[in-house]
PDB file of all heavy atoms in Angstrom:
ATOM      1  N   SER A   1     111.919  64.526  95.175  1.00  0.00           N
ATOM      2  CA  SER A   1     111.765  63.237  94.721  1.00  0.00           C
ATOM      3  C   SER A   1     111.655  63.183  93.241  1.00  0.00           C
ATOM      4  O   SER A   1     111.539  64.243  92.596  1.00  0.00           O
ATOM      5  CB  SER A   1     110.485  62.579  95.327  1.00  0.00           C
ATOM      6  OG  SER A   1     109.349  63.317  94.954  1.00  0.00           O
ATOM      7  N   ARG A   2     111.794  62.148  92.624  1.00  0.00           N
ATOM      8  CA  ARG A   2     111.693  62.016  91.128  1.00  0.00           C
ATOM      9  C   ARG A   2     110.914  60.733  90.797  1.00  0.00           C
ATOM     10  O   ARG A   2     110.963  59.695  91.494  1.00  0.00           O
ATOM     11  CB  ARG A   2     113.000  61.995  90.535  1.00  0.00           C
ATOM     12  CG  ARG A   2     113.946  60.791  90.850  1.00  0.00           C
ATOM     13  CD  ARG A   2     115.384  61.184  90.262  1.00  0.00           C
ATOM     14  NE  ARG A   2     115.435  61.283  88.854  1.00  0.00           N
ATOM     15  CZ  ARG A   2     116.470  61.913  88.203  1.00  0.00           C
ATOM     16  NH1 ARG A   2     117.440  62.505  88.922  1.00  0.00           N
ATOM     17  NH2 ARG A   2     116.422  61.946  86.897  1.00  0.00           N
ATOM     18  N   ASP A   3     110.214  60.851  89.704  1.00  0.00           N
ATOM     19  CA  ASP A   3     109.519  59.711  89.107  1.00  0.00           C
ATOM     20  C   ASP A   3     110.035  59.639  87.703  1.00  0.00           C
ATOM     21  O   ASP A   3     109.616  60.294  86.777  1.00  0.00           O
ATOM     22  CB  ASP A   3     107.948  59.945  89.111  1.00  0.00           C
ATOM     23  CG  ASP A   3     107.297  58.749  88.629  1.00  0.00           C
ATOM     24  OD1 ASP A   3     107.804  57.915  87.910  1.00  0.00           O
ATOM     25  OD2 ASP A   3     106.012  58.648  88.983  1.00  0.00           O
ATOM     26  N   ASN A   4     111.003  58.667  87.530  1.00  0.00           N
ATOM     27  CA  ASN A   4     111.663  58.519  86.223  1.00  0.00           C
ATOM     28  C   ASN A   4     110.711  58.108  85.186  1.00  0.00           C
ATOM     29  O   ASN A   4     110.907  58.258  83.937  1.00  0.00           O
ATOM     30  CB  ASN A   4     112.883  57.706  86.302  1.00  0.00           C
ATOM     31  CG  ASN A   4     114.013  58.335  87.102  1.00  0.00           C
ATOM     32  OD1 ASN A   4     113.985  59.472  87.297  1.00  0.00           O
ATOM     33  ND2 ASN A   4     114.981  57.534  87.590  1.00  0.00           N
ATOM     34  N   ALA A   5     109.707  57.243  85.538  1.00  0.00           N
ATOM     35  CA  ALA A   5     108.686  56.925  84.529  1.00  0.00           C
ATOM     36  C   ALA A   5     107.896  57.970  84.025  1.00  0.00           C
ATOM     37  O   ALA A   5     107.359  57.887  82.809  1.00  0.00           O
ATOM     38  CB  ALA A   5     107.741  55.761  85.185  1.00  0.00           C
ATOM     39  N   LYS A   6     107.758  59.088  84.712  1.00  0.00           N
ATOM     40  CA  LYS A   6     107.034  60.201  84.326  1.00  0.00           C
ATOM     41  C   LYS A   6     108.012  61.362  83.851  1.00  0.00           C
ATOM     42  O   LYS A   6     107.469  62.433  83.481  1.00  0.00           O
ATOM     43  CB  LYS A   6     106.099  60.715  85.326  1.00  0.00           C
ATOM     44  CG  LYS A   6     105.009  59.715  85.745  1.00  0.00           C
ATOM     45  CD  LYS A   6     104.112  60.310  86.759  1.00  0.00           C
ATOM     46  CE  LYS A   6     102.902  59.367  87.167  1.00  0.00           C
ATOM     47  NZ  LYS A   6     102.092  59.818  88.189  1.00  0.00           N
ATOM     48  N   ASN A   7     109.216  61.180  83.905  1.00  0.00           N
ATOM     49  CA  ASN A   7     110.197  62.161  83.547  1.00  0.00           C
ATOM     50  C   ASN A   7     109.915  63.513  84.343  1.00  0.00           C
ATOM     51  O   ASN A   7     110.021  64.593  83.812  1.00  0.00           O
ATOM     52  CB  ASN A   7     110.186  62.538  82.046  1.00  0.00           C
ATOM     53  CG  ASN A   7     110.765  61.459  81.206  1.00  0.00           C
ATOM     54  OD1 ASN A   7     111.202  60.422  81.742  1.00  0.00           O
ATOM     55  ND2 ASN A   7     110.803  61.703  79.937  1.00  0.00           N
ATOM     56  N   THR A   8     109.772  63.321  85.615  1.00  0.00           N
ATOM     57  CA  THR A   8     109.334  64.441  86.515  1.00  0.00           C
ATOM     58  C   THR A   8     110.016  64.485  87.804  1.00  0.00           C
ATOM     59  O   THR A   8     110.137  63.315  88.405  1.00  0.00           O
ATOM     60  CB  THR A   8     107.805  64.458  86.714  1.00  0.00           C
ATOM     61  OG1 THR A   8     107.134  64.437  85.482  1.00  0.00           O
ATOM     62  CG2 THR A   8     107.375  65.628  87.631  1.00  0.00           C
ATOM     63  N   VAL A   9     110.420  65.607  88.204  1.00  0.00           N
ATOM     64  CA  VAL A   9     110.961  65.772  89.612  1.00  0.00           C
ATOM     65  C   VAL A   9     109.994  66.627  90.440  1.00  0.00           C
ATOM     66  O   VAL A   9     109.317  67.524  89.781  1.00  0.00           O
ATOM     67  CB  VAL A   9     112.440  66.326  89.553  1.00  0.00           C
ATOM     68  CG1 VAL A   9     112.396  67.736  88.909  1.00  0.00           C
ATOM     69  CG2 VAL A   9     113.045  66.417  90.970  1.00  0.00           C
ATOM     70  N   TYR A  10     109.912  66.425  91.646  1.00  0.00           N
ATOM     71  CA  TYR A  10     108.989  67.119  92.490  1.00  0.00           C
ATOM     72  C   TYR A  10     109.724  67.819  93.666  1.00  0.00           C
ATOM     73  O   TYR A  10     110.710  67.378  94.069  1.00  0.00           O
ATOM     74  CB  TYR A  10     107.995  66.113  93.066  1.00  0.00           C
ATOM     75  CG  TYR A  10     107.184  65.300  92.058  1.00  0.00           C
ATOM     76  CD1 TYR A  10     107.598  64.102  91.740  1.00  0.00           C
ATOM     77  CD2 TYR A  10     106.085  65.930  91.459  1.00  0.00           C
ATOM     78  CE1 TYR A  10     106.868  63.383  90.775  1.00  0.00           C
ATOM     79  CE2 TYR A  10     105.351  65.155  90.498  1.00  0.00           C
ATOM     80  CZ  TYR A  10     105.727  63.975  90.268  1.00  0.00           C
ATOM     81  OH  TYR A  10     105.058  63.179  89.246  1.00  0.00           O
ATOM     82  N   LEU A  11     109.074  68.859  94.166  1.00  0.00           N
ATOM     83  CA  LEU A  11     109.467  69.424  95.417  1.00  0.00           C
ATOM     84  C   LEU A  11     108.327  69.631  96.283  1.00  0.00           C
ATOM     85  O   LEU A  11     107.414  70.493  96.063  1.00  0.00           O
ATOM     86  CB  LEU A  11     110.156  70.836  95.129  1.00  0.00           C
ATOM     87  CG  LEU A  11     110.815  71.376  96.427  1.00  0.00           C
ATOM     88  CD1 LEU A  11     111.935  70.585  96.883  1.00  0.00           C
ATOM     89  CD2 LEU A  11     111.242  72.893  96.132  1.00  0.00           C
ATOM     90  N   GLN A  12     108.191  68.779  97.293  1.00  0.00           N
ATOM     91  CA  GLN A  12     107.135  68.893  98.175  1.00  0.00           C
ATOM     92  C   GLN A  12     107.494  69.801  99.376  1.00  0.00           C
ATOM     93  O   GLN A  12     108.487  69.559 100.054  1.00  0.00           O
ATOM     94  CB  GLN A  12     106.762  67.441  98.808  1.00  0.00           C
ATOM     95  CG  GLN A  12     105.670  67.495  99.859  1.00  0.00           C
ATOM     96  CD  GLN A  12     104.420  67.837  99.222  1.00  0.00           C
ATOM     97  OE1 GLN A  12     103.897  67.284  98.253  1.00  0.00           O
ATOM     98  NE2 GLN A  12     103.641  68.838  99.851  1.00  0.00           N
ATOM     99  N   MET A  13     106.842  70.920  99.429  1.00  0.00           N
ATOM    100  CA  MET A  13     107.100  71.874 100.539  1.00  0.00           C
ATOM    101  C   MET A  13     106.060  71.898 101.534  1.00  0.00           C
ATOM    102  O   MET A  13     104.818  71.995 101.276  1.00  0.00           O
ATOM    103  CB  MET A  13     107.152  73.338  99.776  1.00  0.00           C
ATOM    104  CG  MET A  13     108.110  73.277  98.615  1.00  0.00           C
ATOM    105  SD  MET A  13     108.277  74.921  97.874  1.00  0.00           S
ATOM    106  CE  MET A  13     106.596  75.171  97.222  1.00  0.00           C
ATOM    107  N   THR A  14     106.414  71.910 102.741  1.00  0.00           N
ATOM    108  CA  THR A  14     105.599  71.831 103.913  1.00  0.00           C
ATOM    109  C   THR A  14     106.075  72.859 104.897  1.00  0.00           C
ATOM    110  O   THR A  14     107.204  73.416 104.831  1.00  0.00           O
ATOM    111  CB  THR A  14     105.503  70.507 104.565  1.00  0.00           C
ATOM    112  OG1 THR A  14     106.801  70.106 105.140  1.00  0.00           O
ATOM    113  CG2 THR A  14     105.027  69.443 103.643  1.00  0.00           C
ATOM    114  N   SER A  15     105.200  73.214 105.811  1.00  0.00           N
ATOM    115  CA  SER A  15     105.490  74.176 106.867  1.00  0.00           C
ATOM    116  C   SER A  15     106.034  75.494 106.242  1.00  0.00           C
ATOM    117  O   SER A  15     107.043  76.037 106.676  1.00  0.00           O
ATOM    118  CB  SER A  15     106.548  73.613 107.900  1.00  0.00           C
ATOM    119  OG  SER A  15     105.933  72.491 108.523  1.00  0.00           O
ATOM    120  N   LEU A  16     105.385  76.036 105.275  1.00  0.00           N
ATOM    121  CA  LEU A  16     105.968  77.091 104.453  1.00  0.00           C
ATOM    122  C   LEU A  16     105.868  78.380 105.265  1.00  0.00           C
ATOM    123  O   LEU A  16     104.982  78.596 106.086  1.00  0.00           O
ATOM    124  CB  LEU A  16     105.117  77.274 103.177  1.00  0.00           C
ATOM    125  CG  LEU A  16     105.451  76.319 102.086  1.00  0.00           C
ATOM    126  CD1 LEU A  16     104.410  76.260 100.988  1.00  0.00           C
ATOM    127  CD2 LEU A  16     106.774  76.644 101.397  1.00  0.00           C
ATOM    128  N   LYS A  17     106.933  79.194 105.066  1.00  0.00           N
ATOM    129  CA  LYS A  17     107.150  80.420 105.710  1.00  0.00           C
ATOM    130  C   LYS A  17     107.123  81.571 104.734  1.00  0.00           C
ATOM    131  O   LYS A  17     107.471  81.317 103.507  1.00  0.00           O
ATOM    132  CB  LYS A  17     108.494  80.438 106.488  1.00  0.00           C
ATOM    133  CG  LYS A  17     108.636  79.270 107.388  1.00  0.00           C
ATOM    134  CD  LYS A  17     110.071  79.261 108.001  1.00  0.00           C
ATOM    135  CE  LYS A  17     110.259  78.051 108.914  1.00  0.00           C
ATOM    136  NZ  LYS A  17     111.789  78.072 109.426  1.00  0.00           N
ATOM    137  N   PRO A  18     106.793  82.817 105.133  1.00  0.00           N
ATOM    138  CA  PRO A  18     106.850  83.917 104.156  1.00  0.00           C
ATOM    139  C   PRO A  18     108.228  84.043 103.532  1.00  0.00           C
ATOM    140  O   PRO A  18     108.289  84.456 102.345  1.00  0.00           O
ATOM    141  CB  PRO A  18     106.583  85.113 105.046  1.00  0.00           C
ATOM    142  CG  PRO A  18     105.664  84.553 106.115  1.00  0.00           C
ATOM    143  CD  PRO A  18     106.235  83.156 106.454  1.00  0.00           C
ATOM    144  N   GLU A  19     109.225  83.739 104.268  1.00  0.00           N
ATOM    145  CA  GLU A  19     110.625  83.734 103.656  1.00  0.00           C
ATOM    146  C   GLU A  19     110.921  82.754 102.558  1.00  0.00           C
ATOM    147  O   GLU A  19     111.904  82.863 101.800  1.00  0.00           O
ATOM    148  CB  GLU A  19     111.707  83.727 104.734  1.00  0.00           C
ATOM    149  CG  GLU A  19     111.593  82.604 105.682  1.00  0.00           C
ATOM    150  CD  GLU A  19     110.943  82.896 106.905  1.00  0.00           C
ATOM    151  OE1 GLU A  19     109.855  83.525 106.944  1.00  0.00           O
ATOM    152  OE2 GLU A  19     111.354  82.467 107.945  1.00  0.00           O
ATOM    153  N   ASP A  20     109.960  81.762 102.400  1.00  0.00           N
ATOM    154  CA  ASP A  20     110.051  80.887 101.263  1.00  0.00           C
ATOM    155  C   ASP A  20     109.541  81.450  99.876  1.00  0.00           C
ATOM    156  O   ASP A  20     109.680  80.849  98.922  1.00  0.00           O
ATOM    157  CB  ASP A  20     109.314  79.633 101.592  1.00  0.00           C
ATOM    158  CG  ASP A  20     109.901  78.802 102.755  1.00  0.00           C
ATOM    159  OD1 ASP A  20     111.100  78.748 102.865  1.00  0.00           O
ATOM    160  OD2 ASP A  20     109.109  78.309 103.503  1.00  0.00           O
ATOM    161  N   THR A  21     108.984  82.588 100.002  1.00  0.00           N
ATOM    162  CA  THR A  21     108.405  83.316  98.822  1.00  0.00           C
ATOM    163  C   THR A  21     109.546  83.523  97.810  1.00  0.00           C
ATOM    164  O   THR A  21     110.536  84.191  98.215  1.00  0.00           O
ATOM    165  CB  THR A  21     107.813  84.609  99.198  1.00  0.00           C
ATOM    166  OG1 THR A  21     106.610  84.361  99.933  1.00  0.00           O
ATOM    167  CG2 THR A  21     107.261  85.364  97.983  1.00  0.00           C
ATOM    168  N   ALA A  22     109.422  83.036  96.635  1.00  0.00           N
ATOM    169  CA  ALA A  22     110.460  83.166  95.602  1.00  0.00           C
ATOM    170  C   ALA A  22     109.979  82.551  94.320  1.00  0.00           C
ATOM    171  O   ALA A  22     108.934  81.897  94.295  1.00  0.00           O
ATOM    172  CB  ALA A  22     111.724  82.459  96.093  1.00  0.00           C
ATOM    173  N   VAL A  23     110.741  82.832  93.263  1.00  0.00           N
ATOM    174  CA  VAL A  23     110.574  82.060  92.073  1.00  0.00           C
ATOM    175  C   VAL A  23     111.420  80.858  92.214  1.00  0.00           C
ATOM    176  O   VAL A  23     112.601  80.920  92.481  1.00  0.00           O
ATOM    177  CB  VAL A  23     111.061  82.885  90.762  1.00  0.00           C
ATOM    178  CG1 VAL A  23     110.851  81.978  89.570  1.00  0.00           C
ATOM    179  CG2 VAL A  23     110.108  84.092  90.691  1.00  0.00           C
ATOM    180  N   TYR A  24     110.832  79.732  91.971  1.00  0.00           N
ATOM    181  CA  TYR A  24     111.446  78.413  92.122  1.00  0.00           C
ATOM    182  C   TYR A  24     111.822  77.848  90.726  1.00  0.00           C
ATOM    183  O   TYR A  24     110.978  77.781  89.800  1.00  0.00           O
ATOM    184  CB  TYR A  24     110.605  77.426  92.888  1.00  0.00           C
ATOM    185  CG  TYR A  24     110.538  77.616  94.283  1.00  0.00           C
ATOM    186  CD1 TYR A  24     109.859  78.780  94.824  1.00  0.00           C
ATOM    187  CD2 TYR A  24     111.296  76.842  95.224  1.00  0.00           C
ATOM    188  CE1 TYR A  24     109.891  78.958  96.224  1.00  0.00           C
ATOM    189  CE2 TYR A  24     111.290  77.061  96.579  1.00  0.00           C
ATOM    190  CZ  TYR A  24     110.630  78.138  97.074  1.00  0.00           C
ATOM    191  OH  TYR A  24     110.651  78.392  98.484  1.00  0.00           O
ATOM    192  N   TYR A  25     113.098  77.576  90.541  1.00  0.00           N
ATOM    193  CA  TYR A  25     113.471  77.023  89.347  1.00  0.00           C
ATOM    194  C   TYR A  25     114.054  75.557  89.302  1.00  0.00           C
ATOM    195  O   TYR A  25     114.715  75.114  90.214  1.00  0.00           O
ATOM    196  CB  TYR A  25     114.849  77.833  88.820  1.00  0.00           C
ATOM    197  CG  TYR A  25     114.520  79.303  88.552  1.00  0.00           C
ATOM    198  CD1 TYR A  25     114.640  80.204  89.608  1.00  0.00           C
ATOM    199  CD2 TYR A  25     114.163  79.797  87.319  1.00  0.00           C
ATOM    200  CE1 TYR A  25     114.297  81.546  89.389  1.00  0.00           C
ATOM    201  CE2 TYR A  25     113.854  81.111  87.045  1.00  0.00           C
ATOM    202  CZ  TYR A  25     114.022  82.008  88.085  1.00  0.00           C
ATOM    203  OH  TYR A  25     113.770  83.385  87.943  1.00  0.00           O
ATOM    204  N   CYS A  26     113.583  74.789  88.336  1.00  0.00           N
ATOM    205  CA  CYS A  26     113.987  73.482  88.169  1.00  0.00           C
ATOM    206  C   CYS A  26     115.335  73.441  87.480  1.00  0.00           C
ATOM    207  O   CYS A  26     115.642  74.379  86.744  1.00  0.00           O
ATOM    208  CB  CYS A  26     112.996  72.759  87.407  1.00  0.00           C
ATOM    209  SG  CYS A  26     113.439  70.898  87.096  1.00  0.00           S
ATOM    210  N   ALA A  27     116.169  72.548  87.747  1.00  0.00           N
ATOM    211  CA  ALA A  27     117.542  72.444  87.203  1.00  0.00           C
ATOM    212  C   ALA A  27     117.859  70.986  86.902  1.00  0.00           C
ATOM    213  O   ALA A  27     117.513  70.030  87.533  1.00  0.00           O
ATOM    214  CB  ALA A  27     118.579  73.110  88.142  1.00  0.00           C
ATOM    215  N   ALA A  28     118.734  70.766  85.868  1.00  0.00           N
ATOM    216  CA  ALA A  28     119.212  69.483  85.456  1.00  0.00           C
ATOM    217  C   ALA A  28     120.782  69.577  85.207  1.00  0.00           C
ATOM    218  O   ALA A  28     121.262  70.468  84.610  1.00  0.00           O
ATOM    219  CB  ALA A  28     118.520  68.938  84.202  1.00  0.00           C
ATOM    220  N   ASP A  29     121.488  68.480  85.601  1.00  0.00           N
ATOM    221  CA  ASP A  29     122.827  68.409  85.312  1.00  0.00           C
ATOM    222  C   ASP A  29     123.153  66.981  84.947  1.00  0.00           C
ATOM    223  O   ASP A  29     122.748  65.967  85.537  1.00  0.00           O
ATOM    224  CB  ASP A  29     123.618  68.709  86.537  1.00  0.00           C
ATOM    225  CG  ASP A  29     125.170  68.934  86.268  1.00  0.00           C
ATOM    226  OD1 ASP A  29     125.887  67.876  86.374  1.00  0.00           O
ATOM    227  OD2 ASP A  29     125.523  69.987  85.985  1.00  0.00           O
ATOM    228  N   ALA A  30     124.009  66.923  83.862  1.00  0.00           N
ATOM    229  CA  ALA A  30     124.390  65.599  83.375  1.00  0.00           C
ATOM    230  C   ALA A  30     125.377  64.838  84.184  1.00  0.00           C
ATOM    231  O   ALA A  30     125.643  63.667  83.853  1.00  0.00           O
ATOM    232  CB  ALA A  30     124.956  65.765  81.912  1.00  0.00           C
ATOM    233  N   THR A  31     125.861  65.429  85.179  1.00  0.00           N
ATOM    234  CA  THR A  31     127.027  64.802  86.056  1.00  0.00           C
ATOM    235  C   THR A  31     126.549  64.288  87.352  1.00  0.00           C
ATOM    236  O   THR A  31     126.477  63.100  87.628  1.00  0.00           O
ATOM    237  CB  THR A  31     128.218  65.696  86.137  1.00  0.00           C
ATOM    238  OG1 THR A  31     128.615  66.051  84.856  1.00  0.00           O
ATOM    239  CG2 THR A  31     129.300  64.963  86.957  1.00  0.00           C
ATOM    240  N   SER A  32     126.112  65.295  88.255  1.00  0.00           N
ATOM    241  CA  SER A  32     125.933  64.913  89.659  1.00  0.00           C
ATOM    242  C   SER A  32     125.181  66.031  90.377  1.00  0.00           C
ATOM    243  O   SER A  32     125.116  67.125  89.948  1.00  0.00           O
ATOM    244  CB  SER A  32     127.204  64.568  90.320  1.00  0.00           C
ATOM    245  OG  SER A  32     127.997  65.805  90.446  1.00  0.00           O
ATOM    246  N   THR A  33     124.690  65.601  91.589  1.00  0.00           N
ATOM    247  CA  THR A  33     124.149  66.563  92.498  1.00  0.00           C
ATOM    248  C   THR A  33     125.204  67.652  92.878  1.00  0.00           C
ATOM    249  O   THR A  33     124.946  68.797  93.196  1.00  0.00           O
ATOM    250  CB  THR A  33     123.406  65.954  93.709  1.00  0.00           C
ATOM    251  OG1 THR A  33     124.434  65.096  94.378  1.00  0.00           O
ATOM    252  CG2 THR A  33     122.302  65.103  93.249  1.00  0.00           C
ATOM    253  N   ALA A  34     126.433  67.093  93.110  1.00  0.00           N
ATOM    254  CA  ALA A  34     127.513  67.886  93.513  1.00  0.00           C
ATOM    255  C   ALA A  34     127.729  69.102  92.430  1.00  0.00           C
ATOM    256  O   ALA A  34     128.002  70.170  92.889  1.00  0.00           O
ATOM    257  CB  ALA A  34     128.813  67.172  93.666  1.00  0.00           C
ATOM    258  N   HIS A  35     127.651  68.788  91.240  1.00  0.00           N
ATOM    259  CA  HIS A  35     127.842  69.826  90.221  1.00  0.00           C
ATOM    260  C   HIS A  35     126.665  70.889  90.247  1.00  0.00           C
ATOM    261  O   HIS A  35     126.904  72.054  90.103  1.00  0.00           O
ATOM    262  CB  HIS A  35     127.866  69.072  88.833  1.00  0.00           C
ATOM    263  CG  HIS A  35     129.258  68.681  88.494  1.00  0.00           C
ATOM    264  ND1 HIS A  35     129.613  68.458  87.233  1.00  0.00           N
ATOM    265  CD2 HIS A  35     130.277  68.266  89.297  1.00  0.00           C
ATOM    266  CE1 HIS A  35     130.884  68.018  87.199  1.00  0.00           C
ATOM    267  NE2 HIS A  35     131.318  67.856  88.453  1.00  0.00           N
ATOM    268  N   ILE A  36     125.439  70.294  90.586  1.00  0.00           N
ATOM    269  CA  ILE A  36     124.277  71.227  90.689  1.00  0.00           C
ATOM    270  C   ILE A  36     124.589  72.262  91.776  1.00  0.00           C
ATOM    271  O   ILE A  36     124.368  73.456  91.661  1.00  0.00           O
ATOM    272  CB  ILE A  36     123.018  70.422  90.891  1.00  0.00           C
ATOM    273  CG1 ILE A  36     122.592  69.673  89.661  1.00  0.00           C
ATOM    274  CG2 ILE A  36     121.877  71.337  91.423  1.00  0.00           C
ATOM    275  CD1 ILE A  36     121.357  68.839  89.866  1.00  0.00           C
TER     276      ILE A  36
END
């Protein structure tokens, strides 16, 4: 989700599994989600 008033994007993670263990990186693209 995103809150444009706060210039913030969120990732709400539920039902987490050990295989979700990772470094999580935020990303931005000037064009589209398809480009991401």
